[in-house]
Amino acid sequence: MSLLFRSIARGPLRGTSPQRLWATAVLLVAGLVGSGAAPASATTAGAQPLHHIDMDGIVSMIGMPYVGSELRMGAPAEFSGCDKTQAAPDGYTIEWLSNGTPLPPERQVEPLKILPSDRGNRLSFNVYATTPEKKQCGDSLRGDQNTLLHSEETAPIAASNRAMGWTGRGNFELMGRTDDGRLVLYPRTYTYALGSCDQGLCPSYESARWDEPRLVGTGWDVFNIVFSPGDFDGDGNNDVLARDAEGDLYLYPGDGHGGWRDRSIVGTGWNVFDSIVGPGDFDGDTVNDVLGRDAEGDLHLYPGDGAGGWKEPEVVGTGWQVFDKIIASGDLSGDGNVDILGRNHAGYMHHYRSDGQGGWEGAGTWGPGWGVMIDVIGAGSYSHNLGEAIHWGHTVTRNDTIAINPHGDLLKYSGFVPTDQTIGTGWDIFRSLI
């Protein structure tokens, strides 16, 4: 299959007509709270260790280089070349940097919340002893006796993607659409703590739980495709795009609290596509994009402009008509680039790695059995990327693939692991996940 053809392709027009569809809900969806049909979460795994500090004075950073994520130092219990009591008997201070320049004093906190103003910048940190004159060792590899440790820079910060959820906390969250058009949000809360590991105390998320579900929309059955591109309008909050039978594409801007601002039309003529997904930043310009497949099997890239509009589209693949479902999976391979999954009519799942510049790196096959799933989605990391780190300029993360099986079980597939973990039940009440 050829996936590397590129040409400018005329496609759906862009529009600007503002309208409002959704209505504020007073009550939660009937039957979704406190009933046997309600999705239920499984037991959350315990704390897992993070990477330990290398002997070169470089300490890992945990988090993801997206707006809305939180960044932390990877292992504050240890220092390179000496232990904490020698290096910093009175404690230590973290200095956050953007492109090598210290951030303002009000942002010198841990964790560091990534803001829309950080998009395109590279973030890093230095670690200093609180009382420098008592420090007995430092970063000897760099000949720097004033800096205990330092991190590598992140990749350029990209717009908030689907993995950041809708409540402004950067958490794994799911949204489901029922047959009668109700849209239900399932927020998730993670508790951060220092847990035990082989190297002493390591940062971890020691517990996680589903919050109470929320009804966040009604009347969504007028749409035949609903998906999240992540943050499409550049305000730092994740949004939803929805296409109706006339081919109009509507933007529903998220408010960062699980609700919506006024919708607007951002395109017409999108009924030429039988599949539309939001991969995140596909071309590496730090803003989120959209992919659409037409009836001939051509895959069109519609680059977002970061402000709710579009740049010129292009064809980035042909032959995609062999798939009955295309899935925006996020980064599954851990290379910092978004990936795409395609399920063929025989139920085989194929994995396509992007190159982060609007093209492709390679492909693989997971195997059969995926055709029975009610829905399959990429929604970030269920474990909050526990134990992963930013090192050598990119994020070492592997997002999960989430599926609903015919019994209504919510299944998690981690990275390339072929086995599933049940993380919920009763999810067959939903037509699709978002």
Protein backbone atom coordinates (compact mmCIF):
# COMPACT_ATOMS: atom_id res chain seq x y z
CA MET A 1 0.00 0.00 0.00
CA SER A 2 1.40 3.38 -0.96
CA LEU A 3 1.16 5.85 1.89
CA LEU A 4 3.64 8.51 0.84
CA PHE A 5 1.92 10.25 -2.07
CA ARG A 6 1.64 13.96 -1.48
CA SER A 7 -0.31 16.52 -3.48
CA ILE A 8 -2.47 19.52 -2.78
CA ALA A 9 -6.06 18.35 -2.71
CA ARG A 10 -9.16 20.49 -2.80
CA GLY A 11 -11.56 19.39 -0.12
CA PRO A 12 -14.22 20.69 2.22
CA LEU A 13 -14.67 24.43 2.41
CA ARG A 14 -14.17 26.34 5.61
CA GLY A 15 -16.99 28.32 7.19
CA THR A 16 -17.52 30.66 10.11
CA SER A 17 -21.24 30.65 10.94
CA PRO A 18 -21.65 30.55 14.74
CA GLN A 19 -24.52 28.54 16.15
CA ARG A 20 -25.34 26.80 19.41
CA LEU A 21 -26.70 23.25 19.69
CA TRP A 22 -26.05 21.82 23.10
CA ALA A 23 -28.22 22.46 26.11
CA THR A 24 -27.09 22.51 29.70
CA ALA A 25 -28.09 19.33 31.49
CA VAL A 26 -29.41 19.48 35.06
CA LEU A 27 -29.49 15.77 35.78
CA LEU A 28 -27.05 13.02 34.92
CA VAL A 29 -28.02 10.46 32.35
CA ALA A 30 -30.64 8.12 33.77
CA GLY A 31 -29.17 4.78 34.66
CA LEU A 32 -25.54 5.88 34.47
CA VAL A 33 -25.06 6.50 38.17
CA GLY A 34 -25.73 3.91 40.81
CA SER A 35 -27.23 1.29 38.51
CA GLY A 36 -26.11 -2.06 37.24
CA ALA A 37 -25.68 -0.64 33.75
CA ALA A 38 -23.17 1.97 34.83
CA PRO A 39 -19.58 1.51 33.70
CA ALA A 40 -17.48 0.28 36.62
CA SER A 41 -13.74 0.64 37.05
CA ALA A 42 -11.39 -2.20 37.88
CA THR A 43 -8.70 -2.10 40.56
CA THR A 44 -5.90 0.33 39.74
CA ALA A 45 -2.34 -0.94 39.74
CA GLY A 46 -0.06 0.19 42.54
CA ALA A 47 2.86 2.58 42.33
CA GLN A 48 5.57 1.85 39.80
CA PRO A 49 9.16 3.15 39.82
CA LEU A 50 10.53 5.82 37.53
CA HIS A 51 13.87 5.91 35.79
CA HIS A 52 16.79 6.54 38.17
CA ILE A 53 19.36 9.26 37.65
CA ASP A 54 22.22 8.54 35.28
CA MET A 55 25.78 9.22 36.43
CA ASP A 56 26.13 12.11 33.96
CA GLY A 57 24.12 14.50 36.13
CA ILE A 58 21.07 14.31 33.87
CA VAL A 59 17.82 13.59 35.65
CA SER A 60 14.69 12.50 33.82
CA MET A 61 11.57 14.62 33.64
CA ILE A 62 8.12 13.07 33.88
CA GLY A 63 5.19 14.43 31.95
CA MET A 64 4.34 14.99 28.32
CA PRO A 65 5.32 17.93 26.08
CA TYR A 66 1.76 19.10 25.50
CA VAL A 67 -0.20 22.08 26.74
CA GLY A 68 -2.16 20.98 29.81
CA SER A 69 0.40 18.43 30.97
CA GLU A 70 2.32 18.72 34.25
CA LEU A 71 6.10 18.34 34.39
CA ARG A 72 8.02 17.01 37.39
CA MET A 73 11.55 16.03 38.25
CA GLY A 74 11.89 12.30 37.80
CA ALA A 75 13.71 11.14 40.96
CA PRO A 76 14.17 13.77 43.70
CA ALA A 77 15.46 11.23 46.23
CA GLU A 78 18.88 10.84 44.60
CA PHE A 79 21.67 12.91 43.11
CA SER A 80 24.46 12.03 40.73
CA GLY A 81 27.81 11.15 42.28
CA CYS A 82 26.71 11.67 45.87
CA ASP A 83 23.66 11.17 47.98
CA LYS A 84 21.10 13.77 48.91
CA THR A 85 22.39 14.41 52.44
CA GLN A 86 25.83 15.30 51.07
CA ALA A 87 24.72 17.30 48.05
CA ALA A 88 21.83 19.23 49.54
CA PRO A 89 21.56 18.79 53.31
CA ASP A 90 19.10 21.70 53.52
CA GLY A 91 17.08 20.68 50.50
CA TYR A 92 17.14 21.71 46.87
CA THR A 93 15.48 24.13 44.47
CA ILE A 94 14.23 23.48 40.95
CA GLU A 95 14.64 26.21 38.35
CA TRP A 96 12.42 25.84 35.28
CA LEU A 97 13.71 27.10 31.94
CA SER A 98 12.09 27.88 28.59
CA ASN A 99 14.54 27.76 25.69
CA GLY A 100 17.32 28.11 28.27
CA THR A 101 15.85 31.20 29.96
CA PRO A 102 14.37 30.99 33.48
CA LEU A 103 10.60 31.19 33.64
CA PRO A 104 9.01 33.99 35.72
CA PRO A 105 9.10 33.54 39.53
CA GLU A 106 5.39 32.71 39.73
CA ARG A 107 6.00 29.67 37.53
CA GLN A 108 8.94 28.31 39.53
CA VAL A 109 6.85 25.58 41.11
CA GLU A 110 6.64 21.82 40.91
CA PRO A 111 4.72 20.46 39.15
CA LEU A 112 4.99 22.92 36.30
CA LYS A 113 1.72 23.28 34.41
CA ILE A 114 2.32 23.72 30.68
CA LEU A 115 0.40 26.74 29.36
CA PRO A 116 -0.68 27.75 25.84
CA SER A 117 2.06 30.39 25.91
CA ASP A 118 4.64 27.58 26.13
CA ARG A 119 3.64 26.12 22.76
CA GLY A 120 6.65 25.85 20.46
CA ASN A 121 9.17 26.28 23.30
CA ARG A 122 11.48 23.69 24.85
CA LEU A 123 11.26 23.33 28.62
CA SER A 124 13.91 22.03 31.02
CA PHE A 125 15.08 22.47 34.60
CA ASN A 126 18.17 22.80 36.78
CA VAL A 127 18.43 21.60 40.38
CA TYR A 128 20.38 23.63 42.97
CA ALA A 129 21.17 23.06 46.63
CA THR A 130 19.20 25.40 48.90
CA THR A 131 22.44 26.21 50.76
CA PRO A 132 25.15 26.27 48.07
CA GLU A 133 28.11 26.62 50.45
CA LYS A 134 27.22 23.29 52.08
CA LYS A 135 27.12 21.43 48.80
CA GLN A 136 29.99 18.98 48.38
CA CYS A 137 29.42 17.73 44.84
CA GLY A 138 27.73 18.76 41.63
CA ASP A 139 27.53 18.02 37.95
CA SER A 140 31.16 17.07 37.46
CA LEU A 141 30.64 15.88 33.90
CA ARG A 142 29.87 19.45 32.81
CA GLY A 143 32.43 20.92 35.19
CA ASP A 144 29.59 22.68 36.95
CA GLN A 145 29.85 22.64 40.74
CA ASN A 146 26.91 25.01 41.18
CA THR A 147 24.30 22.84 39.49
CA LEU A 148 23.53 19.53 41.13
CA LEU A 149 21.48 18.16 38.26
CA HIS A 150 19.84 19.19 35.04
CA SER A 151 17.29 17.76 32.65
CA GLU A 152 17.32 17.49 28.90
CA GLU A 153 14.98 19.82 27.04
CA THR A 154 11.58 18.65 25.98
CA ALA A 155 10.57 18.53 22.36
CA PRO A 156 8.86 21.77 21.28
CA ILE A 157 5.67 21.99 23.32
CA ALA A 158 2.65 21.03 21.20
CA ALA A 159 -1.02 21.89 21.58
CA SER A 160 -3.08 19.91 24.06
CA ASN A 161 -4.04 16.63 22.43
CA ARG A 162 -6.83 14.13 23.07
CA ALA A 163 -4.82 12.47 25.89
CA MET A 164 -5.17 15.59 28.07
CA GLY A 165 -8.91 15.08 28.66
CA TRP A 166 -11.56 17.78 29.10
CA THR A 167 -11.41 18.94 32.73
CA GLY A 168 -8.14 20.87 32.59
CA ARG A 169 -6.14 18.38 34.67
CA GLY A 170 -4.27 16.59 31.89
CA ASN A 171 -5.86 13.28 32.87
CA PHE A 172 -7.03 10.22 30.97
CA GLU A 173 -10.77 10.76 30.53
CA LEU A 174 -13.41 9.15 28.35
CA MET A 175 -16.54 10.49 26.72
CA GLY A 176 -19.30 8.24 25.39
CA ARG A 177 -22.20 8.89 23.00
CA THR A 178 -25.42 6.91 23.38
CA ASP A 179 -27.80 5.92 20.57
CA ASP A 180 -30.27 8.61 21.60
CA GLY A 181 -27.63 11.34 21.39
CA ARG A 182 -26.60 11.83 25.01
CA LEU A 183 -22.96 12.74 25.53
CA VAL A 184 -21.51 11.55 28.84
CA LEU A 185 -18.12 12.51 30.27
CA TYR A 186 -16.19 10.18 32.59
CA PRO A 187 -13.53 12.27 34.38
CA ARG A 188 -10.71 10.53 36.18
CA THR A 189 -8.68 11.63 39.21
CA TYR A 190 -5.08 10.63 39.89
CA THR A 191 -3.30 10.99 43.24
CA TYR A 192 0.39 11.82 42.97
CA ALA A 193 2.81 10.69 45.67
CA LEU A 194 6.32 9.45 46.35
CA GLY A 195 6.26 5.66 46.30
CA SER A 196 8.89 3.05 47.10
CA CYS A 197 11.20 1.70 44.42
CA ASP A 198 14.66 0.16 44.15
CA GLN A 199 16.32 3.59 44.19
CA GLY A 200 14.50 4.86 47.29
CA LEU A 201 11.52 7.17 46.89
CA CYS A 202 10.26 7.59 43.34
CA PRO A 203 7.42 9.76 41.98
CA SER A 204 4.31 7.81 41.10
CA TYR A 205 0.55 8.00 40.84
CA GLU A 206 -0.37 5.75 43.74
CA SER A 207 -4.10 5.71 43.09
CA ALA A 208 -6.66 6.60 40.46
CA ARG A 209 -10.43 6.50 40.27
CA TRP A 210 -13.31 7.34 38.00
CA ASP A 211 -15.22 10.44 39.07
CA GLU A 212 -19.01 10.64 38.82
CA PRO A 213 -20.11 10.71 35.18
CA ARG A 214 -21.56 13.93 33.80
CA LEU A 215 -24.13 14.54 31.10
CA VAL A 216 -22.42 17.15 28.91
CA GLY A 217 -24.75 17.22 25.93
CA THR A 218 -27.98 16.03 24.34
CA GLY A 219 -29.07 15.86 20.73
CA TRP A 220 -25.74 14.57 19.46
CA ASP A 221 -27.51 11.90 17.38
CA VAL A 222 -27.82 14.52 14.61
CA PHE A 223 -24.14 13.88 13.92
CA ASN A 224 -22.75 10.86 12.07
CA ILE A 225 -19.14 11.49 13.12
CA VAL A 226 -17.98 12.93 16.46
CA PHE A 227 -14.33 13.05 17.54
CA SER A 228 -11.82 15.13 19.46
CA PRO A 229 -8.90 16.81 17.68
CA GLY A 230 -7.50 17.95 21.02
CA ASP A 231 -7.21 21.72 21.33
CA PHE A 232 -8.21 23.05 17.91
CA ASP A 233 -8.69 26.76 18.60
CA GLY A 234 -5.52 27.42 20.62
CA ASP A 235 -7.02 28.31 24.00
CA GLY A 236 -5.43 25.33 25.78
CA ASN A 237 -8.69 23.37 26.23
CA ASN A 238 -9.62 20.26 24.31
CA ASP A 239 -12.45 20.53 21.81
CA VAL A 240 -14.82 18.30 19.85
CA LEU A 241 -15.57 18.29 16.11
CA ALA A 242 -18.84 16.87 14.78
CA ARG A 243 -20.16 16.36 11.24
CA ASP A 244 -23.85 16.34 10.34
CA ALA A 245 -25.66 14.71 7.41
CA GLU A 246 -25.27 17.85 5.28
CA GLY A 247 -21.50 17.67 5.59
CA ASP A 248 -21.12 20.68 7.87
CA LEU A 249 -18.30 20.37 10.40
CA TYR A 250 -18.95 21.98 13.77
CA LEU A 251 -16.39 22.98 16.37
CA TYR A 252 -17.48 22.66 20.00
CA PRO A 253 -14.80 24.50 22.01
CA GLY A 254 -14.18 22.98 25.43
CA ASP A 255 -14.24 25.28 28.45
CA GLY A 256 -11.61 23.30 30.39
CA HIS A 257 -14.14 22.15 32.99
CA GLY A 258 -15.95 19.46 31.01
CA GLY A 259 -18.41 21.86 29.35
CA TRP A 260 -18.64 23.80 26.12
CA ARG A 261 -18.53 27.29 24.70
CA ASP A 262 -20.58 28.42 21.69
CA ARG A 263 -20.15 26.22 18.66
CA SER A 264 -19.23 27.38 15.16
CA ILE A 265 -19.06 25.89 11.67
CA VAL A 266 -15.45 25.33 10.64
CA GLY A 267 -16.08 23.51 7.38
CA THR A 268 -18.63 22.47 4.76
CA GLY A 269 -18.61 19.60 2.30
CA TRP A 270 -17.09 17.13 4.73
CA ASN A 271 -19.56 14.44 3.63
CA VAL A 272 -17.02 13.51 0.94
CA PHE A 273 -15.25 11.63 3.74
CA ASP A 274 -16.41 8.32 5.22
CA SER A 275 -13.91 8.50 8.09
CA ILE A 276 -12.56 11.57 9.91
CA VAL A 277 -10.16 11.44 12.87
CA GLY A 278 -8.07 13.82 14.96
CA PRO A 279 -4.52 12.43 15.22
CA GLY A 280 -3.08 15.37 17.15
CA ASP A 281 -0.08 17.14 15.66
CA PHE A 282 0.60 15.04 12.55
CA ASP A 283 2.96 17.38 10.70
CA GLY A 284 5.15 18.59 13.58
CA ASP A 285 4.19 22.27 13.68
CA THR A 286 2.91 21.99 17.32
CA VAL A 287 -0.78 22.48 16.39
CA ASN A 288 -3.41 19.78 15.93
CA ASP A 289 -4.60 18.42 12.61
CA VAL A 290 -7.41 16.33 11.08
CA LEU A 291 -7.29 13.34 8.72
CA GLY A 292 -10.14 12.38 6.39
CA ARG A 293 -10.52 9.39 4.06
CA ASP A 294 -12.55 9.74 0.87
CA ALA A 295 -14.47 7.08 -1.08
CA GLU A 296 -11.44 6.29 -3.26
CA GLY A 297 -9.32 5.51 -0.21
CA ASP A 298 -7.17 8.65 -0.32
CA LEU A 299 -6.15 9.95 3.11
CA HIS A 300 -6.22 13.74 3.31
CA LEU A 301 -4.37 15.79 5.90
CA TYR A 302 -6.05 19.02 6.97
CA PRO A 303 -3.45 20.88 9.03
CA GLY A 304 -4.92 23.08 11.73
CA ASP A 305 -3.73 26.67 12.02
CA GLY A 306 -3.89 26.66 15.83
CA ALA A 307 -6.73 29.19 15.95
CA GLY A 308 -9.75 27.16 14.83
CA GLY A 309 -8.99 27.27 11.12
CA TRP A 310 -7.04 25.42 8.47
CA LYS A 311 -3.93 25.45 6.36
CA GLU A 312 -3.81 23.95 2.87
CA PRO A 313 -4.77 20.24 2.77
CA GLU A 314 -2.73 17.51 1.12
CA VAL A 315 -2.97 13.81 0.37
CA VAL A 316 -0.78 11.73 2.70
CA GLY A 317 -1.88 8.24 1.72
CA THR A 318 -3.72 6.10 -0.79
CA GLY A 319 -5.31 2.67 -0.53
CA TRP A 320 -6.91 3.26 2.86
CA GLN A 321 -10.26 1.88 1.65
CA VAL A 322 -9.07 -1.55 2.85
CA PHE A 323 -9.91 -0.45 6.40
CA ASP A 324 -13.39 -0.39 7.91
CA LYS A 325 -12.16 1.76 10.81
CA ILE A 326 -9.35 4.29 11.16
CA ILE A 327 -8.25 5.15 14.71
CA ALA A 328 -6.18 8.08 15.97
CA SER A 329 -4.13 6.26 18.59
CA GLY A 330 -1.71 8.93 19.76
CA ASP A 331 1.90 7.89 20.31
CA LEU A 332 2.03 4.11 20.69
CA SER A 333 5.65 3.54 19.75
CA GLY A 334 7.25 5.94 22.23
CA ASP A 335 9.06 8.02 19.61
CA GLY A 336 7.16 11.23 20.33
CA ASN A 337 5.15 11.10 17.09
CA VAL A 338 1.46 10.30 16.69
CA ASP A 339 0.45 6.97 15.16
CA ILE A 340 -2.59 5.73 13.24
CA LEU A 341 -4.37 2.38 13.48
CA GLY A 342 -6.40 0.81 10.69
CA ARG A 343 -8.71 -2.18 11.12
CA ASN A 344 -9.40 -4.17 7.96
CA HIS A 345 -12.57 -6.06 7.11
CA ALA A 346 -11.07 -9.32 8.38
CA GLY A 347 -10.58 -7.82 11.85
CA TYR A 348 -6.80 -7.35 11.64
CA MET A 349 -5.40 -4.22 13.22
CA HIS A 350 -2.57 -2.45 11.39
CA HIS A 351 -0.30 0.10 13.02
CA TYR A 352 1.20 3.02 11.05
CA ARG A 353 3.96 5.09 12.65
CA SER A 354 4.19 8.69 11.51
CA ASP A 355 7.50 10.51 11.10
CA GLY A 356 6.31 13.66 12.89
CA GLN A 357 6.58 15.69 9.68
CA GLY A 358 3.41 14.70 7.85
CA GLY A 359 4.72 11.38 6.52
CA TRP A 360 5.23 7.79 7.62
CA GLU A 361 7.99 5.71 9.20
CA GLY A 362 6.71 2.15 8.94
CA ALA A 363 3.85 -0.24 9.52
CA GLY A 364 3.06 -3.38 11.47
CA THR A 365 0.18 -5.74 12.19
CA TRP A 366 -1.21 -6.58 15.62
CA GLY A 367 -3.32 -9.52 14.57
CA PRO A 368 -6.98 -10.54 14.17
CA GLY A 369 -9.99 -10.37 16.47
CA TRP A 370 -10.60 -6.63 16.46
CA GLY A 371 -13.70 -6.82 14.26
CA VAL A 372 -15.93 -7.84 17.18
CA MET A 373 -15.28 -4.66 19.15
CA ILE A 374 -18.14 -2.17 19.52
CA ASP A 375 -15.61 0.63 19.35
CA VAL A 376 -11.85 1.19 19.54
CA ILE A 377 -10.22 4.49 20.48
CA GLY A 378 -6.89 6.02 21.42
CA ALA A 379 -7.41 8.14 24.54
CA GLY A 380 -3.99 8.57 26.14
CA SER A 381 -2.44 6.64 29.01
CA TYR A 382 -4.74 4.98 31.55
CA SER A 383 -1.84 4.79 34.01
CA HIS A 384 -1.01 8.47 33.40
CA ASN A 385 2.26 7.40 31.73
CA LEU A 386 3.43 6.08 35.07
CA GLY A 387 7.15 5.37 35.02
CA GLU A 388 7.74 7.15 31.73
CA ALA A 389 9.98 10.15 31.23
CA ILE A 390 11.18 12.90 28.94
CA HIS A 391 14.78 12.12 28.11
CA TRP A 392 17.05 13.14 25.26
CA GLY A 393 14.54 15.66 23.97
CA HIS A 394 11.43 13.56 23.48
CA THR A 395 8.81 11.84 25.54
CA VAL A 396 9.23 8.16 26.27
CA THR A 397 5.55 7.30 26.49
CA ARG A 398 3.31 4.61 25.12
CA ASN A 399 -0.35 5.44 24.95
CA ASP A 400 -3.03 2.82 25.47
CA THR A 401 -5.67 1.57 23.07
CA ILE A 402 -9.16 1.34 24.56
CA ALA A 403 -11.89 -0.97 23.25
CA ILE A 404 -15.42 -2.05 24.14
CA ASN A 405 -16.01 -5.75 23.54
CA PRO A 406 -19.41 -7.35 22.72
CA HIS A 407 -20.04 -7.99 26.43
CA GLY A 408 -19.66 -4.29 27.28
CA ASP A 409 -16.28 -4.69 28.97
CA LEU A 410 -13.94 -1.73 28.66
CA LEU A 411 -10.52 -3.10 27.71
CA LYS A 412 -7.08 -1.49 27.82
CA TYR A 413 -4.23 -2.52 25.55
CA SER A 414 -0.89 -0.98 26.58
CA GLY A 415 1.47 -0.02 23.78
CA PHE A 416 2.21 -3.12 21.75
CA VAL A 417 1.20 -5.59 24.48
CA PRO A 418 -1.27 -7.98 22.79
CA THR A 419 -3.14 -8.83 26.00
CA ASP A 420 -5.94 -6.74 27.43
CA GLN A 421 -6.86 -5.54 30.90
CA THR A 422 -10.49 -4.98 31.89
CA ILE A 423 -10.90 -1.48 33.33
CA GLY A 424 -14.69 -1.20 33.29
CA THR A 425 -17.99 -2.96 32.61
CA GLY A 426 -21.34 -1.91 31.19
CA TRP A 427 -19.91 0.27 28.43
CA ASP A 428 -22.09 -1.26 25.69
CA ILE A 429 -24.63 1.48 26.47
CA PHE A 430 -22.50 3.68 24.23
CA ARG A 431 -22.53 3.77 20.44
CA SER A 432 -19.05 5.24 20.35
CA LEU A 433 -16.24 6.65 22.48
CA ILE A 434 -14.73 10.09 21.92
